[in-house]
Amino acid sequence: MDQYITTPLTAEKVEGLKAGDYVYITGTIYTARDAAHKRMYETMNEGNKTPFDLKDNIVYYLGPTPEREGQVIGSAGPTTSSRMDKYTPLLLDNGLKGMIGKGKRSKDVIDSMVKNNAVYFAAVGGAGALLSKRIKACKIIAYDDLGTEAIRELYVEDFPVIVVIDSRGDNLYEIVMQSS
């Protein structure tokens, strides 16, 4: 089923999503990869705030290539999500509602998603140039010393993703494997 959602990603919106749904996201999302996740995790463990409010937000596991002249952002394909797994439960406990990446997630992350009513989306790997066309604005908001891994605030329009793991723990990868 195709669904169009606008951020913020509220609990009500998350509950309406099911594994296998095609979703088109419009609104603000944030980028963060390994190094940024590690820093946010350490910051939170020290009792400090993250560079953006996690509540009802979506993190895209992305380290874009440099933009060419006239572009908002370079190629913007997803990175492997499992590299963020050790940091993710804490982010979910603090209000994060959605993640965009590629690949499988750990049992701890899936359990935390169910506990916190969150969702995991997949973006198509290898389609970074096409995905970048859905990004209408981009600005670095934190950790600019990390280069491509800096945290960026993106404004996206009809950004195409697929619900891989929904808030009930239903996992599209497992569903497909069982049906094969």
N, C-alpha and C. Protein backbone atom coordinates (compact mmCIF):
# COMPACT_ATOMS: atom_id res chain seq x y z
N MET A 1 0.85 -1.19 0.00
CA MET A 1 0.00 0.00 0.00
C MET A 1 0.89 1.25 0.00
N ASP A 2 0.56 2.21 -0.82
CA ASP A 2 1.30 3.47 -0.86
C ASP A 2 0.75 4.42 0.21
N GLN A 3 1.67 5.05 0.94
CA GLN A 3 1.28 6.03 1.94
C GLN A 3 2.15 7.27 1.79
N TYR A 4 1.54 8.41 1.95
CA TYR A 4 2.25 9.68 1.93
C TYR A 4 2.20 10.24 3.34
N ILE A 5 3.38 10.53 3.90
CA ILE A 5 3.41 11.08 5.25
C ILE A 5 4.25 12.35 5.26
N THR A 6 3.90 13.21 6.20
CA THR A 6 4.63 14.45 6.42
C THR A 6 5.20 14.39 7.83
N THR A 7 6.47 14.82 7.95
CA THR A 7 7.07 14.85 9.28
C THR A 7 6.47 16.01 10.07
N PRO A 8 6.43 15.90 11.39
CA PRO A 8 7.04 14.90 12.25
C PRO A 8 6.34 13.54 12.15
N LEU A 9 7.10 12.50 12.48
CA LEU A 9 6.60 11.12 12.43
C LEU A 9 6.02 10.78 13.80
N THR A 10 4.75 11.09 13.97
CA THR A 10 4.07 10.89 15.26
C THR A 10 3.75 9.42 15.49
N ALA A 11 3.43 9.10 16.73
CA ALA A 11 3.06 7.72 17.09
C ALA A 11 1.88 7.23 16.25
N GLU A 12 0.91 8.12 16.00
CA GLU A 12 -0.26 7.72 15.20
C GLU A 12 0.14 7.35 13.77
N LYS A 13 1.05 8.11 13.19
CA LYS A 13 1.52 7.80 11.83
C LYS A 13 2.27 6.48 11.81
N VAL A 14 3.12 6.26 12.81
CA VAL A 14 3.90 5.01 12.89
C VAL A 14 2.97 3.81 12.98
N GLU A 15 1.94 3.92 13.81
CA GLU A 15 1.01 2.80 14.00
C GLU A 15 0.28 2.42 12.72
N GLY A 16 0.12 3.38 11.80
CA GLY A 16 -0.56 3.11 10.54
C GLY A 16 0.32 2.47 9.48
N LEU A 17 1.61 2.29 9.77
CA LEU A 17 2.53 1.72 8.80
C LEU A 17 2.73 0.23 9.04
N LYS A 18 2.79 -0.52 7.93
CA LYS A 18 2.98 -1.97 8.03
C LYS A 18 4.15 -2.40 7.15
N ALA A 19 4.84 -3.44 7.57
CA ALA A 19 5.96 -3.97 6.80
C ALA A 19 5.49 -4.21 5.36
N GLY A 20 6.25 -3.70 4.41
CA GLY A 20 5.92 -3.84 3.00
C GLY A 20 5.27 -2.61 2.39
N ASP A 21 4.82 -1.67 3.22
CA ASP A 21 4.21 -0.44 2.69
C ASP A 21 5.25 0.41 1.96
N TYR A 22 4.85 0.97 0.84
CA TYR A 22 5.64 1.99 0.16
C TYR A 22 5.24 3.32 0.76
N VAL A 23 6.23 4.11 1.16
CA VAL A 23 5.96 5.38 1.83
C VAL A 23 6.73 6.49 1.13
N TYR A 24 6.08 7.64 1.01
CA TYR A 24 6.70 8.83 0.44
C TYR A 24 6.70 9.89 1.53
N ILE A 25 7.91 10.27 1.96
CA ILE A 25 8.07 11.20 3.08
C ILE A 25 8.31 12.61 2.57
N THR A 26 7.59 13.56 3.17
CA THR A 26 7.82 14.98 2.91
C THR A 26 8.05 15.66 4.25
N GLY A 27 9.08 16.51 4.28
CA GLY A 27 9.36 17.25 5.51
C GLY A 27 10.82 17.16 5.88
N THR A 28 11.10 17.46 7.14
CA THR A 28 12.47 17.49 7.65
C THR A 28 12.87 16.13 8.19
N ILE A 29 14.05 15.67 7.76
CA ILE A 29 14.68 14.48 8.31
C ILE A 29 16.14 14.84 8.57
N TYR A 30 16.84 14.00 9.31
CA TYR A 30 18.23 14.28 9.67
C TYR A 30 19.13 13.13 9.22
N THR A 31 20.37 13.46 8.88
CA THR A 31 21.34 12.43 8.51
C THR A 31 22.29 12.19 9.67
N ALA A 32 22.70 10.96 9.81
CA ALA A 32 23.73 10.61 10.79
C ALA A 32 24.25 9.22 10.45
N ARG A 33 25.56 9.09 10.50
CA ARG A 33 26.18 7.78 10.31
C ARG A 33 26.96 7.38 11.56
N ASP A 34 27.86 6.45 11.42
CA ASP A 34 28.56 5.83 12.54
C ASP A 34 29.17 6.85 13.52
N ALA A 35 30.02 7.72 13.01
CA ALA A 35 30.73 8.65 13.88
C ALA A 35 29.77 9.60 14.59
N ALA A 36 28.76 10.08 13.89
CA ALA A 36 27.77 10.98 14.50
C ALA A 36 26.94 10.24 15.55
N HIS A 37 26.60 8.99 15.27
CA HIS A 37 25.85 8.19 16.26
C HIS A 37 26.68 8.01 17.53
N LYS A 38 27.95 7.70 17.35
CA LYS A 38 28.83 7.50 18.51
C LYS A 38 28.87 8.78 19.35
N ARG A 39 29.00 9.92 18.70
CA ARG A 39 29.05 11.19 19.42
C ARG A 39 27.74 11.50 20.12
N MET A 40 26.62 11.27 19.43
CA MET A 40 25.32 11.52 20.07
C MET A 40 25.14 10.61 21.28
N TYR A 41 25.53 9.36 21.14
CA TYR A 41 25.43 8.37 22.22
C TYR A 41 26.24 8.83 23.43
N GLU A 42 27.48 9.24 23.18
CA GLU A 42 28.34 9.72 24.27
C GLU A 42 27.77 10.98 24.90
N THR A 43 27.26 11.88 24.08
CA THR A 43 26.65 13.12 24.57
C THR A 43 25.47 12.83 25.49
N MET A 44 24.62 11.90 25.07
CA MET A 44 23.45 11.55 25.87
C MET A 44 23.86 10.86 27.17
N ASN A 45 24.87 10.01 27.11
CA ASN A 45 25.34 9.34 28.32
C ASN A 45 25.98 10.30 29.31
N GLU A 46 26.44 11.45 28.82
CA GLU A 46 26.99 12.49 29.69
C GLU A 46 25.89 13.42 30.21
N GLY A 47 24.64 13.14 29.82
CA GLY A 47 23.51 13.94 30.29
C GLY A 47 23.24 15.19 29.47
N ASN A 48 23.85 15.28 28.30
CA ASN A 48 23.66 16.46 27.46
C ASN A 48 22.68 16.16 26.33
N LYS A 49 22.25 17.21 25.65
CA LYS A 49 21.26 17.09 24.57
C LYS A 49 21.94 16.80 23.23
N THR A 50 21.19 16.11 22.38
CA THR A 50 21.66 15.84 21.02
C THR A 50 21.53 17.11 20.18
N PRO A 51 22.22 17.18 19.05
CA PRO A 51 22.18 18.40 18.21
C PRO A 51 20.80 18.74 17.64
N PHE A 52 19.90 17.77 17.63
CA PHE A 52 18.52 18.03 17.22
C PHE A 52 17.62 17.21 18.12
N ASP A 53 16.39 17.64 18.26
CA ASP A 53 15.43 16.94 19.11
C ASP A 53 15.06 15.62 18.43
N LEU A 54 15.29 14.51 19.10
CA LEU A 54 14.99 13.20 18.53
C LEU A 54 13.49 12.93 18.44
N LYS A 55 12.71 13.55 19.31
CA LYS A 55 11.28 13.25 19.41
C LYS A 55 10.58 13.38 18.06
N ASP A 56 9.97 12.27 17.65
CA ASP A 56 9.15 12.19 16.43
C ASP A 56 9.94 12.50 15.16
N ASN A 57 11.24 12.30 15.20
CA ASN A 57 12.05 12.56 14.03
C ASN A 57 12.55 11.28 13.37
N ILE A 58 13.11 11.45 12.18
CA ILE A 58 13.63 10.36 11.36
C ILE A 58 15.11 10.63 11.11
N VAL A 59 15.94 9.59 11.26
CA VAL A 59 17.36 9.67 10.92
C VAL A 59 17.60 8.82 9.68
N TYR A 60 18.27 9.43 8.71
CA TYR A 60 18.66 8.76 7.48
C TYR A 60 20.14 8.44 7.60
N TYR A 61 20.48 7.16 7.50
CA TYR A 61 21.88 6.73 7.58
C TYR A 61 22.54 7.05 6.25
N LEU A 62 23.15 8.22 6.20
CA LEU A 62 23.62 8.78 4.95
C LEU A 62 24.89 9.58 5.16
N GLY A 63 25.84 9.40 4.28
CA GLY A 63 27.01 10.26 4.17
C GLY A 63 27.10 10.65 2.71
N PRO A 64 26.49 11.76 2.32
CA PRO A 64 26.40 12.10 0.90
C PRO A 64 27.75 12.44 0.27
N THR A 65 27.81 12.28 -1.04
CA THR A 65 28.97 12.76 -1.76
C THR A 65 28.84 14.28 -1.90
N PRO A 66 29.96 14.97 -2.16
CA PRO A 66 29.87 16.43 -2.32
C PRO A 66 28.92 16.79 -3.48
N GLU A 67 28.21 17.87 -3.29
CA GLU A 67 27.28 18.32 -4.34
C GLU A 67 28.06 18.98 -5.47
N ARG A 68 27.51 18.84 -6.64
CA ARG A 68 28.07 19.54 -7.80
C ARG A 68 27.42 20.92 -7.88
N GLU A 69 28.00 21.77 -8.67
CA GLU A 69 27.46 23.12 -8.82
C GLU A 69 25.99 23.05 -9.22
N GLY A 70 25.16 23.82 -8.52
CA GLY A 70 23.74 23.87 -8.81
C GLY A 70 22.93 22.78 -8.12
N GLN A 71 23.58 21.88 -7.39
CA GLN A 71 22.86 20.82 -6.68
C GLN A 71 22.76 21.15 -5.19
N VAL A 72 21.73 20.64 -4.55
CA VAL A 72 21.53 20.80 -3.11
C VAL A 72 22.45 19.85 -2.35
N ILE A 73 22.64 18.65 -2.91
CA ILE A 73 23.40 17.58 -2.25
C ILE A 73 23.93 16.66 -3.34
N GLY A 74 24.99 15.94 -3.03
CA GLY A 74 25.50 14.95 -3.97
C GLY A 74 24.69 13.67 -3.89
N SER A 75 25.25 12.60 -4.37
CA SER A 75 24.57 11.30 -4.31
C SER A 75 24.21 10.99 -2.87
N ALA A 76 23.00 10.52 -2.64
CA ALA A 76 22.46 10.39 -1.28
C ALA A 76 21.87 9.02 -1.02
N GLY A 77 22.64 7.98 -1.28
CA GLY A 77 22.17 6.62 -1.03
C GLY A 77 22.40 6.20 0.42
N PRO A 78 21.61 5.23 0.89
CA PRO A 78 21.71 4.79 2.29
C PRO A 78 22.96 3.98 2.56
N THR A 79 23.37 3.98 3.82
CA THR A 79 24.47 3.13 4.25
C THR A 79 23.91 1.98 5.09
N THR A 80 24.72 1.00 5.35
CA THR A 80 24.31 -0.20 6.08
C THR A 80 23.91 0.15 7.52
N SER A 81 22.70 -0.19 7.87
CA SER A 81 22.11 0.22 9.15
C SER A 81 22.70 -0.48 10.35
N SER A 82 23.13 -1.71 10.20
CA SER A 82 23.58 -2.50 11.36
C SER A 82 24.76 -1.84 12.07
N ARG A 83 25.51 -0.98 11.37
CA ARG A 83 26.63 -0.30 12.01
C ARG A 83 26.16 0.66 13.10
N MET A 84 24.91 1.06 13.08
CA MET A 84 24.36 1.97 14.09
C MET A 84 23.62 1.22 15.21
N ASP A 85 23.53 -0.10 15.11
CA ASP A 85 22.70 -0.87 16.03
C ASP A 85 23.05 -0.70 17.51
N LYS A 86 24.33 -0.59 17.85
CA LYS A 86 24.68 -0.48 19.26
C LYS A 86 24.25 0.84 19.88
N TYR A 87 24.01 1.84 19.04
CA TYR A 87 23.59 3.16 19.53
C TYR A 87 22.08 3.39 19.46
N THR A 88 21.42 2.63 18.62
CA THR A 88 20.03 2.90 18.28
C THR A 88 19.04 2.78 19.43
N PRO A 89 19.11 1.74 20.29
CA PRO A 89 18.10 1.67 21.37
C PRO A 89 18.04 2.93 22.24
N LEU A 90 19.19 3.54 22.55
CA LEU A 90 19.18 4.76 23.35
C LEU A 90 18.49 5.90 22.61
N LEU A 91 18.72 6.01 21.30
CA LEU A 91 18.06 7.06 20.51
C LEU A 91 16.55 6.83 20.48
N LEU A 92 16.15 5.58 20.32
CA LEU A 92 14.71 5.26 20.31
C LEU A 92 14.09 5.56 21.67
N ASP A 93 14.79 5.22 22.75
CA ASP A 93 14.29 5.52 24.10
C ASP A 93 14.10 7.01 24.32
N ASN A 94 14.80 7.82 23.54
CA ASN A 94 14.71 9.27 23.67
C ASN A 94 13.85 9.93 22.60
N GLY A 95 13.00 9.15 21.95
CA GLY A 95 11.97 9.72 21.08
C GLY A 95 12.12 9.54 19.59
N LEU A 96 13.26 9.02 19.10
CA LEU A 96 13.40 8.79 17.66
C LEU A 96 12.31 7.84 17.20
N LYS A 97 11.63 8.17 16.10
CA LYS A 97 10.52 7.35 15.61
C LYS A 97 10.81 6.61 14.32
N GLY A 98 11.79 7.07 13.54
CA GLY A 98 12.05 6.42 12.27
C GLY A 98 13.51 6.43 11.89
N MET A 99 13.91 5.41 11.16
CA MET A 99 15.27 5.29 10.64
C MET A 99 15.17 4.86 9.19
N ILE A 100 16.05 5.39 8.35
CA ILE A 100 16.13 5.01 6.95
C ILE A 100 17.54 4.50 6.69
N GLY A 101 17.64 3.33 6.09
CA GLY A 101 18.94 2.77 5.77
C GLY A 101 18.79 1.61 4.82
N LYS A 102 19.71 0.65 4.94
CA LYS A 102 19.59 -0.58 4.17
C LYS A 102 20.14 -1.72 5.01
N GLY A 103 19.59 -2.90 4.80
CA GLY A 103 20.08 -4.08 5.50
C GLY A 103 19.31 -4.39 6.77
N LYS A 104 19.73 -5.50 7.38
CA LYS A 104 19.05 -6.03 8.56
C LYS A 104 19.37 -5.23 9.81
N ARG A 105 18.53 -5.44 10.84
CA ARG A 105 18.71 -4.84 12.16
C ARG A 105 18.81 -5.95 13.20
N SER A 106 19.46 -5.65 14.32
CA SER A 106 19.64 -6.63 15.39
C SER A 106 18.33 -6.84 16.16
N LYS A 107 18.29 -7.94 16.90
CA LYS A 107 17.13 -8.22 17.74
C LYS A 107 16.94 -7.10 18.77
N ASP A 108 18.04 -6.59 19.35
CA ASP A 108 17.93 -5.50 20.33
C ASP A 108 17.26 -4.27 19.73
N VAL A 109 17.62 -3.93 18.49
CA VAL A 109 17.01 -2.78 17.83
C VAL A 109 15.53 -3.04 17.56
N ILE A 110 15.20 -4.22 17.06
CA ILE A 110 13.80 -4.54 16.77
C ILE A 110 12.97 -4.52 18.05
N ASP A 111 13.49 -5.11 19.14
CA ASP A 111 12.78 -5.07 20.42
C ASP A 111 12.58 -3.63 20.89
N SER A 112 13.58 -2.79 20.71
CA SER A 112 13.47 -1.39 21.10
C SER A 112 12.47 -0.63 20.23
N MET A 113 12.40 -1.00 18.95
CA MET A 113 11.41 -0.38 18.06
C MET A 113 10.00 -0.71 18.53
N VAL A 114 9.76 -1.96 18.90
CA VAL A 114 8.43 -2.36 19.38
C VAL A 114 8.12 -1.62 20.68
N LYS A 115 9.07 -1.60 21.60
CA LYS A 115 8.90 -0.92 22.90
C LYS A 115 8.59 0.57 22.71
N ASN A 116 9.25 1.19 21.74
CA ASN A 116 9.14 2.65 21.55
C ASN A 116 8.25 3.07 20.39
N ASN A 117 7.55 2.12 19.77
CA ASN A 117 6.63 2.43 18.68
C ASN A 117 7.34 3.18 17.55
N ALA A 118 8.37 2.52 17.00
CA ALA A 118 9.17 3.14 15.94
C ALA A 118 9.17 2.25 14.70
N VAL A 119 9.72 2.77 13.60
CA VAL A 119 9.68 2.07 12.32
C VAL A 119 11.04 2.20 11.63
N TYR A 120 11.37 1.15 10.86
CA TYR A 120 12.61 1.14 10.08
C TYR A 120 12.24 1.06 8.60
N PHE A 121 12.73 2.05 7.85
CA PHE A 121 12.49 2.13 6.42
C PHE A 121 13.77 1.75 5.67
N ALA A 122 13.62 1.21 4.48
CA ALA A 122 14.75 0.99 3.59
C ALA A 122 14.61 1.94 2.41
N ALA A 123 15.76 2.51 2.04
CA ALA A 123 15.86 3.25 0.79
C ALA A 123 16.66 2.36 -0.15
N VAL A 124 16.50 2.53 -1.43
CA VAL A 124 17.15 1.65 -2.40
C VAL A 124 18.63 1.97 -2.49
N GLY A 125 19.45 0.99 -2.10
CA GLY A 125 20.89 1.14 -2.25
C GLY A 125 21.25 1.20 -3.73
N GLY A 126 22.24 1.98 -4.07
CA GLY A 126 22.65 2.12 -5.47
C GLY A 126 21.86 3.15 -6.24
N ALA A 127 20.86 3.75 -5.59
CA ALA A 127 20.03 4.75 -6.27
C ALA A 127 20.26 6.15 -5.70
N GLY A 128 21.45 6.39 -5.16
CA GLY A 128 21.75 7.65 -4.49
C GLY A 128 21.54 8.89 -5.35
N ALA A 129 21.89 8.79 -6.63
CA ALA A 129 21.72 9.96 -7.52
C ALA A 129 20.23 10.27 -7.70
N LEU A 130 19.42 9.23 -7.82
CA LEU A 130 17.97 9.45 -7.96
C LEU A 130 17.36 9.95 -6.65
N LEU A 131 17.77 9.37 -5.52
CA LEU A 131 17.24 9.81 -4.23
C LEU A 131 17.58 11.27 -3.96
N SER A 132 18.76 11.71 -4.38
CA SER A 132 19.17 13.09 -4.12
C SER A 132 18.22 14.10 -4.77
N LYS A 133 17.53 13.69 -5.83
CA LYS A 133 16.59 14.60 -6.49
C LYS A 133 15.37 14.90 -5.61
N ARG A 134 15.11 14.08 -4.61
CA ARG A 134 13.99 14.29 -3.68
C ARG A 134 14.37 15.16 -2.49
N ILE A 135 15.66 15.50 -2.40
CA ILE A 135 16.16 16.35 -1.32
C ILE A 135 16.19 17.78 -1.84
N LYS A 136 15.37 18.62 -1.23
CA LYS A 136 15.21 19.99 -1.72
C LYS A 136 16.03 21.02 -0.96
N ALA A 137 16.48 20.68 0.25
CA ALA A 137 17.33 21.58 1.03
C ALA A 137 18.22 20.74 1.94
N CYS A 138 19.42 21.25 2.19
CA CYS A 138 20.39 20.52 3.01
C CYS A 138 21.28 21.52 3.72
N LYS A 139 21.44 21.34 5.04
CA LYS A 139 22.40 22.17 5.77
C LYS A 139 23.02 21.35 6.89
N ILE A 140 24.31 21.55 7.10
CA ILE A 140 25.00 20.89 8.21
C ILE A 140 24.59 21.60 9.49
N ILE A 141 24.17 20.81 10.50
CA ILE A 141 23.75 21.42 11.77
C ILE A 141 24.65 21.03 12.94
N ALA A 142 25.51 20.01 12.75
CA ALA A 142 26.39 19.60 13.86
C ALA A 142 27.52 18.71 13.35
N TYR A 143 28.59 18.72 14.11
CA TYR A 143 29.74 17.83 13.86
C TYR A 143 30.34 18.03 12.48
N ASP A 144 30.47 19.26 12.05
CA ASP A 144 31.01 19.52 10.71
C ASP A 144 32.44 19.01 10.56
N ASP A 145 33.13 18.76 11.67
CA ASP A 145 34.47 18.19 11.60
C ASP A 145 34.46 16.75 11.07
N LEU A 146 33.29 16.13 11.03
CA LEU A 146 33.18 14.75 10.54
C LEU A 146 33.03 14.67 9.01
N GLY A 147 33.04 15.81 8.34
CA GLY A 147 32.94 15.81 6.88
C GLY A 147 31.61 15.23 6.40
N THR A 148 31.67 14.19 5.57
CA THR A 148 30.43 13.63 5.03
C THR A 148 29.56 13.02 6.12
N GLU A 149 30.16 12.70 7.28
CA GLU A 149 29.38 12.11 8.38
C GLU A 149 28.80 13.16 9.33
N ALA A 150 28.95 14.44 9.01
CA ALA A 150 28.34 15.49 9.82
C ALA A 150 26.82 15.30 9.82
N ILE A 151 26.17 15.80 10.85
CA ILE A 151 24.71 15.73 10.89
C ILE A 151 24.15 16.84 10.02
N ARG A 152 23.27 16.44 9.12
CA ARG A 152 22.61 17.38 8.22
C ARG A 152 21.11 17.37 8.47
N GLU A 153 20.53 18.52 8.29
CA GLU A 153 19.07 18.65 8.28
C GLU A 153 18.67 18.71 6.81
N LEU A 154 17.81 17.80 6.42
CA LEU A 154 17.34 17.75 5.03
C LEU A 154 15.87 18.09 4.98
N TYR A 155 15.47 18.75 3.92
CA TYR A 155 14.05 18.88 3.61
C TYR A 155 13.82 18.03 2.37
N VAL A 156 12.93 17.04 2.50
CA VAL A 156 12.66 16.11 1.39
C VAL A 156 11.22 16.23 0.94
N GLU A 157 11.00 15.92 -0.33
CA GLU A 157 9.64 15.88 -0.88
C GLU A 157 9.42 14.54 -1.54
N ASP A 158 8.38 13.84 -1.09
CA ASP A 158 8.02 12.52 -1.62
C ASP A 158 9.24 11.60 -1.72
N PHE A 159 10.00 11.53 -0.62
CA PHE A 159 11.19 10.70 -0.55
C PHE A 159 10.74 9.24 -0.44
N PRO A 160 11.11 8.39 -1.42
CA PRO A 160 10.56 7.02 -1.47
C PRO A 160 11.32 6.02 -0.59
N VAL A 161 10.58 5.37 0.29
CA VAL A 161 11.12 4.33 1.16
C VAL A 161 10.12 3.18 1.27
N ILE A 162 10.59 2.08 1.81
CA ILE A 162 9.72 0.92 2.07
C ILE A 162 9.81 0.60 3.56
N VAL A 163 8.68 0.31 4.18
CA VAL A 163 8.70 -0.11 5.58
C VAL A 163 9.24 -1.53 5.62
N VAL A 164 10.40 -1.70 6.26
CA VAL A 164 10.99 -3.03 6.39
C VAL A 164 10.57 -3.65 7.71
N ILE A 165 10.66 -2.87 8.80
CA ILE A 165 10.24 -3.36 10.11
C ILE A 165 9.26 -2.34 10.69
N ASP A 166 8.07 -2.83 11.00
CA ASP A 166 7.06 -1.91 11.54
C ASP A 166 7.09 -1.93 13.07
N SER A 167 6.23 -1.13 13.67
CA SER A 167 6.24 -0.94 15.12
C SER A 167 5.76 -2.17 15.89
N ARG A 168 5.24 -3.16 15.19
CA ARG A 168 4.84 -4.42 15.81
C ARG A 168 5.95 -5.47 15.72
N GLY A 169 7.03 -5.11 15.03
CA GLY A 169 8.15 -6.03 14.86
C GLY A 169 8.06 -6.90 13.63
N ASP A 170 7.01 -6.69 12.81
CA ASP A 170 6.89 -7.44 11.56
C ASP A 170 8.03 -7.01 10.64
N ASN A 171 8.72 -7.99 10.06
CA ASN A 171 9.96 -7.73 9.33
C ASN A 171 9.81 -8.23 7.89
N LEU A 172 9.82 -7.30 6.95
CA LEU A 172 9.64 -7.64 5.54
C LEU A 172 10.70 -8.63 5.06
N TYR A 173 11.94 -8.50 5.51
CA TYR A 173 12.99 -9.44 5.09
C TYR A 173 12.63 -10.86 5.50
N GLU A 174 12.12 -11.05 6.72
CA GLU A 174 11.74 -12.39 7.18
C GLU A 174 10.49 -12.89 6.44
N ILE A 175 9.55 -11.99 6.19
CA ILE A 175 8.32 -12.38 5.47
C ILE A 175 8.68 -12.88 4.08
N VAL A 176 9.56 -12.19 3.40
CA VAL A 176 9.98 -12.60 2.04
C VAL A 176 10.72 -13.93 2.08
N MET A 177 11.61 -14.10 3.07
CA MET A 177 12.37 -15.35 3.20
C MET A 177 11.43 -16.53 3.45
N GLN A 178 10.42 -16.33 4.28
CA GLN A 178 9.48 -17.42 4.60
C GLN A 178 8.61 -17.78 3.41
N SER A 179 8.33 -16.82 2.55
CA SER A 179 7.46 -17.09 1.42
C SER A 179 8.21 -17.67 0.22
N SER A 180 9.55 -17.65 0.29
CA SER A 180 10.36 -18.17 -0.84
C SER A 180 10.48 -19.67 -0.77
